[in-house]
PDB file of N, CA and C in Angstrom:
ATOM      1  N   UNK A   1      15.565  24.434 -25.243  1.00  0.00           N
ATOM      2  CA  UNK A   1      15.359  24.755 -23.840  1.00  0.00           C
ATOM      3  C   UNK A   1      16.658  25.300 -23.253  1.00  0.00           C
ATOM      4  N   UNK A   2      16.480  26.070 -22.247  1.00  0.00           N
ATOM      5  CA  UNK A   2      17.664  26.627 -21.612  1.00  0.00           C
ATOM      6  C   UNK A   2      18.296  25.604 -20.683  1.00  0.00           C
ATOM      7  N   UNK A   3      19.512  25.874 -20.282  1.00  0.00           N
ATOM      8  CA  UNK A   3      20.238  24.974 -19.391  1.00  0.00           C
ATOM      9  C   UNK A   3      19.555  24.877 -18.034  1.00  0.00           C
ATOM     10  N   UNK A   4      18.952  25.975 -17.585  1.00  0.00           N
ATOM     11  CA  UNK A   4      18.278  25.975 -16.277  1.00  0.00           C
ATOM     12  C   UNK A   4      17.034  25.076 -16.328  1.00  0.00           C
ATOM     13  N   UNK A   5      16.283  25.169 -17.396  1.00  0.00           N
ATOM     14  CA  UNK A   5      15.092  24.343 -17.545  1.00  0.00           C
ATOM     15  C   UNK A   5      15.490  22.868 -17.612  1.00  0.00           C
ATOM     16  N   UNK A   6      16.537  22.557 -18.355  1.00  0.00           N
ATOM     17  CA  UNK A   6      17.018  21.174 -18.443  1.00  0.00           C
ATOM     18  C   UNK A   6      17.467  20.659 -17.079  1.00  0.00           C
ATOM     19  N   UNK A   7      18.188  21.484 -16.346  1.00  0.00           N
ATOM     20  CA  UNK A   7      18.666  21.084 -15.019  1.00  0.00           C
ATOM     21  C   UNK A   7      17.487  20.853 -14.079  1.00  0.00           C
ATOM     22  N   UNK A   8      16.503  21.744 -14.124  1.00  0.00           N
ATOM     23  CA  UNK A   8      15.328  21.586 -13.265  1.00  0.00           C
ATOM     24  C   UNK A   8      14.555  20.321 -13.611  1.00  0.00           C
ATOM     25  N   UNK A   9      14.472  19.989 -14.894  1.00  0.00           N
ATOM     26  CA  UNK A   9      13.774  18.776 -15.315  1.00  0.00           C
ATOM     27  C   UNK A   9      14.495  17.532 -14.793  1.00  0.00           C
ATOM     28  N   UNK A  10      15.817  17.529 -14.833  1.00  0.00           N
ATOM     29  CA  UNK A  10      16.590  16.398 -14.312  1.00  0.00           C
ATOM     30  C   UNK A  10      16.390  16.251 -12.812  1.00  0.00           C
ATOM     31  N   UNK A  11      16.366  17.367 -12.097  1.00  0.00           N
ATOM     32  CA  UNK A  11      16.149  17.337 -10.647  1.00  0.00           C
ATOM     33  C   UNK A  11      14.738  16.812 -10.347  1.00  0.00           C
ATOM     34  N   UNK A  12      13.780  17.296 -11.098  1.00  0.00           N
ATOM     35  CA  UNK A  12      12.391  16.851 -10.918  1.00  0.00           C
ATOM     36  C   UNK A  12      12.276  15.347 -11.140  1.00  0.00           C
ATOM     37  N   UNK A  13      12.861  14.854 -12.215  1.00  0.00           N
ATOM     38  CA  UNK A  13      12.803  13.423 -12.520  1.00  0.00           C
ATOM     39  C   UNK A  13      13.468  12.590 -11.429  1.00  0.00           C
ATOM     40  N   UNK A  14      14.615  13.042 -10.952  1.00  0.00           N
ATOM     41  CA  UNK A  14      15.333  12.304  -9.913  1.00  0.00           C
ATOM     42  C   UNK A  14      14.524  12.275  -8.619  1.00  0.00           C
ATOM     43  N   UNK A  15      13.933  13.401  -8.254  1.00  0.00           N
ATOM     44  CA  UNK A  15      13.139  13.468  -7.029  1.00  0.00           C
ATOM     45  C   UNK A  15      11.903  12.574  -7.135  1.00  0.00           C
ATOM     46  N   UNK A  16      11.228  12.622  -8.257  1.00  0.00           N
ATOM     47  CA  UNK A  16      10.024  11.814  -8.450  1.00  0.00           C
ATOM     48  C   UNK A  16      10.347  10.324  -8.444  1.00  0.00           C
ATOM     49  N   UNK A  17      11.404   9.929  -9.133  1.00  0.00           N
ATOM     50  CA  UNK A  17      11.792   8.518  -9.145  1.00  0.00           C
ATOM     51  C   UNK A  17      12.202   8.041  -7.758  1.00  0.00           C
ATOM     52  N   UNK A  18      12.923   8.879  -7.025  1.00  0.00           N
ATOM     53  CA  UNK A  18      13.299   8.522  -5.658  1.00  0.00           C
ATOM     54  C   UNK A  18      12.080   8.347  -4.776  1.00  0.00           C
ATOM     55  N   UNK A  19      11.121   9.256  -4.896  1.00  0.00           N
ATOM     56  CA  UNK A  19       9.886   9.165  -4.119  1.00  0.00           C
ATOM     57  C   UNK A  19       9.133   7.883  -4.450  1.00  0.00           C
ATOM     58  N   UNK A  20       9.019   7.559  -5.726  1.00  0.00           N
ATOM     59  CA  UNK A  20       8.281   6.361  -6.141  1.00  0.00           C
ATOM     60  C   UNK A  20       8.931   5.096  -5.589  1.00  0.00           C
ATOM     61  N   UNK A  21      10.254   5.041  -5.555  1.00  0.00           N
ATOM     62  CA  UNK A  21      10.953   3.876  -5.006  1.00  0.00           C
ATOM     63  C   UNK A  21      10.679   3.746  -3.520  1.00  0.00           C
ATOM     64  N   UNK A  22      10.751   4.868  -2.802  1.00  0.00           N
ATOM     65  CA  UNK A  22      10.490   4.845  -1.357  1.00  0.00           C
ATOM     66  C   UNK A  22       9.046   4.444  -1.093  1.00  0.00           C
ATOM     67  N   UNK A  23       8.123   5.027  -1.836  1.00  0.00           N
ATOM     68  CA  UNK A  23       6.706   4.714  -1.672  1.00  0.00           C
ATOM     69  C   UNK A  23       6.446   3.223  -1.901  1.00  0.00           C
ATOM     70  N   UNK A  24       7.021   2.673  -2.951  1.00  0.00           N
ATOM     71  CA  UNK A  24       6.843   1.260  -3.243  1.00  0.00           C
ATOM     72  C   UNK A  24       7.383   0.368  -2.131  1.00  0.00           C
ATOM     73  N   UNK A  25       8.511   0.735  -1.583  1.00  0.00           N
ATOM     74  CA  UNK A  25       9.109  -0.046  -0.505  1.00  0.00           C
ATOM     75  C   UNK A  25       8.245   0.010   0.749  1.00  0.00           C
ATOM     76  N   UNK A  26       7.786   1.200   1.107  1.00  0.00           N
ATOM     77  CA  UNK A  26       6.972   1.367   2.312  1.00  0.00           C
ATOM     78  C   UNK A  26       5.633   0.651   2.169  1.00  0.00           C
ATOM     79  N   UNK A  27       4.966   0.841   1.050  1.00  0.00           N
ATOM     80  CA  UNK A  27       3.663   0.210   0.841  1.00  0.00           C
ATOM     81  C   UNK A  27       3.814  -1.305   0.799  1.00  0.00           C
ATOM     82  N   UNK A  28       4.834  -1.783   0.120  1.00  0.00           N
ATOM     83  CA  UNK A  28       5.069  -3.225   0.063  1.00  0.00           C
ATOM     84  C   UNK A  28       5.337  -3.816   1.435  1.00  0.00           C
ATOM     85  N   UNK A  29       6.130  -3.116   2.241  1.00  0.00           N
ATOM     86  CA  UNK A  29       6.411  -3.569   3.605  1.00  0.00           C
ATOM     87  C   UNK A  29       5.165  -3.595   4.456  1.00  0.00           C
ATOM     88  N   UNK A  30       4.340  -2.552   4.329  1.00  0.00           N
ATOM     89  CA  UNK A  30       3.096  -2.496   5.095  1.00  0.00           C
ATOM     90  C   UNK A  30       2.179  -3.656   4.727  1.00  0.00           C
ATOM     91  N   UNK A  31       2.060  -3.933   3.444  1.00  0.00           N
ATOM     92  CA  UNK A  31       1.171  -5.010   3.003  1.00  0.00           C
ATOM     93  C   UNK A  31       1.629  -6.364   3.543  1.00  0.00           C
ATOM     94  N   UNK A  32       2.936  -6.574   3.610  1.00  0.00           N
ATOM     95  CA  UNK A  32       3.451  -7.828   4.165  1.00  0.00           C
ATOM     96  C   UNK A  32       3.080  -7.958   5.633  1.00  0.00           C
ATOM     97  N   UNK A  33       3.231  -6.868   6.390  1.00  0.00           N
ATOM     98  CA  UNK A  33       2.888  -6.882   7.815  1.00  0.00           C
ATOM     99  C   UNK A  33       1.390  -7.089   7.988  1.00  0.00           C
ATOM    100  N   UNK A  34       0.591  -6.385   7.182  1.00  0.00           N
ATOM    101  CA  UNK A  34      -0.866  -6.508   7.262  1.00  0.00           C
ATOM    102  C   UNK A  34      -1.295  -7.948   6.973  1.00  0.00           C
ATOM    103  N   UNK A  35      -0.757  -8.545   5.929  1.00  0.00           N
ATOM    104  CA  UNK A  35      -1.114  -9.914   5.575  1.00  0.00           C
ATOM    105  C   UNK A  35      -0.729 -10.893   6.687  1.00  0.00           C
ATOM    106  N   UNK A  36       0.423 -10.710   7.267  1.00  0.00           N
ATOM    107  CA  UNK A  36       0.867 -11.597   8.354  1.00  0.00           C
ATOM    108  C   UNK A  36      -0.045 -11.450   9.566  1.00  0.00           C
ATOM    109  N   UNK A  37      -0.451 -10.209   9.893  1.00  0.00           N
ATOM    110  CA  UNK A  37      -1.354  -9.973  11.023  1.00  0.00           C
ATOM    111  C   UNK A  37      -2.702 -10.641  10.782  1.00  0.00           C
ATOM    112  N   UNK A  38      -3.260 -10.442   9.591  1.00  0.00           N
ATOM    113  CA  UNK A  38      -4.551 -11.056   9.259  1.00  0.00           C
ATOM    114  C   UNK A  38      -4.426 -12.568   9.315  1.00  0.00           C
ATOM    115  N   UNK A  39      -3.350 -13.102   8.776  1.00  0.00           N
ATOM    116  CA  UNK A  39      -3.130 -14.548   8.770  1.00  0.00           C
ATOM    117  C   UNK A  39      -3.035 -15.099  10.188  1.00  0.00           C
ATOM    118  N   UNK A  40      -2.346 -14.384  11.053  1.00  0.00           N
ATOM    119  CA  UNK A  40      -2.103 -14.877  12.406  1.00  0.00           C
ATOM    120  C   UNK A  40      -3.298 -14.685  13.332  1.00  0.00           C
ATOM    121  N   UNK A  41      -3.960 -13.541  13.274  1.00  0.00           N
ATOM    122  CA  UNK A  41      -4.954 -13.204  14.282  1.00  0.00           C
ATOM    123  C   UNK A  41      -6.400 -13.130  13.806  1.00  0.00           C
ATOM    124  N   UNK A  42      -6.654 -12.898  12.550  1.00  0.00           N
ATOM    125  CA  UNK A  42      -8.015 -12.603  12.112  1.00  0.00           C
ATOM    126  C   UNK A  42      -8.622 -13.625  11.159  1.00  0.00           C
ATOM    127  N   UNK A  43      -7.821 -14.467  10.576  1.00  0.00           N
ATOM    128  CA  UNK A  43      -8.297 -15.440   9.595  1.00  0.00           C
ATOM    129  C   UNK A  43      -9.002 -16.595  10.302  1.00  0.00           C
ATOM    130  N   UNK A  44     -10.157 -16.986   9.760  1.00  0.00           N
ATOM    131  CA  UNK A  44     -10.873 -18.144  10.284  1.00  0.00           C
ATOM    132  C   UNK A  44     -10.445 -19.382   9.518  1.00  0.00           C
ATOM    133  N   UNK A  45     -10.750 -20.549  10.056  1.00  0.00           N
ATOM    134  CA  UNK A  45     -10.366 -21.811   9.426  1.00  0.00           C
ATOM    135  C   UNK A  45     -10.874 -21.890   7.992  1.00  0.00           C
ATOM    136  N   UNK A  46      -9.985 -22.251   7.087  1.00  0.00           N
ATOM    137  CA  UNK A  46     -10.345 -22.450   5.704  1.00  0.00           C
ATOM    138  C   UNK A  46     -10.374 -21.188   4.858  1.00  0.00           C
ATOM    139  N   UNK A  47     -10.197 -20.024   5.471  1.00  0.00           N
ATOM    140  CA  UNK A  47     -10.207 -18.764   4.725  1.00  0.00           C
ATOM    141  C   UNK A  47      -8.814 -18.434   4.209  1.00  0.00           C
ATOM    142  N   UNK A  48      -8.786 -17.800   3.062  1.00  0.00           N
ATOM    143  CA  UNK A  48      -7.525 -17.236   2.597  1.00  0.00           C
ATOM    144  C   UNK A  48      -7.388 -15.850   3.228  1.00  0.00           C
ATOM    145  N   UNK A  49      -6.219 -15.266   3.094  1.00  0.00           N
ATOM    146  CA  UNK A  49      -5.994 -13.929   3.639  1.00  0.00           C
ATOM    147  C   UNK A  49      -6.923 -12.929   2.957  1.00  0.00           C
ATOM    148  N   UNK A  50      -7.062 -13.027   1.646  1.00  0.00           N
ATOM    149  CA  UNK A  50      -7.931 -12.107   0.908  1.00  0.00           C
ATOM    150  C   UNK A  50      -9.392 -12.272   1.310  1.00  0.00           C
ATOM    151  N   UNK A  51      -9.831 -13.501   1.508  1.00  0.00           N
ATOM    152  CA  UNK A  51     -11.206 -13.732   1.947  1.00  0.00           C
ATOM    153  C   UNK A  51     -11.442 -13.146   3.335  1.00  0.00           C
ATOM    154  N   UNK A  52     -10.454 -13.276   4.211  1.00  0.00           N
ATOM    155  CA  UNK A  52     -10.570 -12.712   5.558  1.00  0.00           C
ATOM    156  C   UNK A  52     -10.649 -11.188   5.498  1.00  0.00           C
ATOM    157  N   UNK A  53      -9.849 -10.565   4.650  1.00  0.00           N
ATOM    158  CA  UNK A  53      -9.895  -9.108   4.510  1.00  0.00           C
ATOM    159  C   UNK A  53     -11.263  -8.661   4.001  1.00  0.00           C
ATOM    160  N   UNK A  54     -11.794  -9.373   3.020  1.00  0.00           N
ATOM    161  CA  UNK A  54     -13.101  -9.024   2.474  1.00  0.00           C
ATOM    162  C   UNK A  54     -14.184  -9.188   3.539  1.00  0.00           C
ATOM    163  N   UNK A  55     -14.123 -10.266   4.317  1.00  0.00           N
ATOM    164  CA  UNK A  55     -15.089 -10.495   5.389  1.00  0.00           C
ATOM    165  C   UNK A  55     -15.017  -9.381   6.421  1.00  0.00           C
ATOM    166  N   UNK A  56     -13.808  -8.992   6.794  1.00  0.00           N
ATOM    167  CA  UNK A  56     -13.631  -7.927   7.780  1.00  0.00           C
ATOM    168  C   UNK A  56     -14.171  -6.597   7.270  1.00  0.00           C
ATOM    169  N   UNK A  57     -13.932  -6.279   6.001  1.00  0.00           N
ATOM    170  CA  UNK A  57     -14.466  -5.048   5.419  1.00  0.00           C
ATOM    171  C   UNK A  57     -15.987  -5.060   5.448  1.00  0.00           C
ATOM    172  N   UNK A  58     -16.573  -6.195   5.118  1.00  0.00           N
ATOM    173  CA  UNK A  58     -18.027  -6.320   5.126  1.00  0.00           C
ATOM    174  C   UNK A  58     -18.565  -6.130   6.541  1.00  0.00           C
ATOM    175  N   UNK A  59     -17.912  -6.741   7.535  1.00  0.00           N
ATOM    176  CA  UNK A  59     -18.355  -6.610   8.924  1.00  0.00           C
ATOM    177  C   UNK A  59     -18.291  -5.164   9.397  1.00  0.00           C
ATOM    178  N   UNK A  60     -17.254  -4.453   9.012  1.00  0.00           N
ATOM    179  CA  UNK A  60     -17.123  -3.041   9.406  1.00  0.00           C
ATOM    180  C   UNK A  60     -18.227  -2.212   8.759  1.00  0.00           C
ATOM    181  N   UNK A  61     -18.481  -2.437   7.474  1.00  0.00           N
ATOM    182  CA  UNK A  61     -19.526  -1.695   6.774  1.00  0.00           C
ATOM    183  C   UNK A  61     -20.892  -1.945   7.414  1.00  0.00           C
ATOM    184  N   UNK A  62     -21.173  -3.194   7.766  1.00  0.00           N
ATOM    185  CA  UNK A  62     -22.443  -3.521   8.393  1.00  0.00           C
ATOM    186  C   UNK A  62     -22.549  -2.905   9.783  1.00  0.00           C
ATOM    187  N   UNK A  63     -21.479  -2.945  10.529  1.00  0.00           N
ATOM    188  CA  UNK A  63     -21.490  -2.433  11.897  1.00  0.00           C
ATOM    189  C   UNK A  63     -21.716  -0.925  11.932  1.00  0.00           C
ATOM    190  N   UNK A  64     -21.088  -0.213  11.010  1.00  0.00           N
ATOM    191  CA  UNK A  64     -21.150   1.242  11.030  1.00  0.00           C
ATOM    192  C   UNK A  64     -22.054   1.816   9.939  1.00  0.00           C
ATOM    193  N   UNK A  65     -22.850   0.962   9.303  1.00  0.00           N
ATOM    194  CA  UNK A  65     -23.792   1.387   8.255  1.00  0.00           C
ATOM    195  C   UNK A  65     -23.127   2.240   7.193  1.00  0.00           C
ATOM    196  N   UNK A  66     -22.021   1.787   6.686  1.00  0.00           N
ATOM    197  CA  UNK A  66     -21.303   2.529   5.644  1.00  0.00           C
ATOM    198  C   UNK A  66     -21.732   2.117   4.263  1.00  0.00           C
TER     199      UNK A  66
END
């Protein structure tokens, strides 16, 4: 391969890895906030956070006939 192709591949790899790290951080942060919100405001007695999310999804589907 030529030097230009090698350089472009290194740039591509660095950009992709940087994007993946940022994406993971943002998505992870969002999930923490979402879980805390569900836990604080939407969870019913005895429900886990995951059970509350599933219940809410079901209610939305039923309400809007999805």
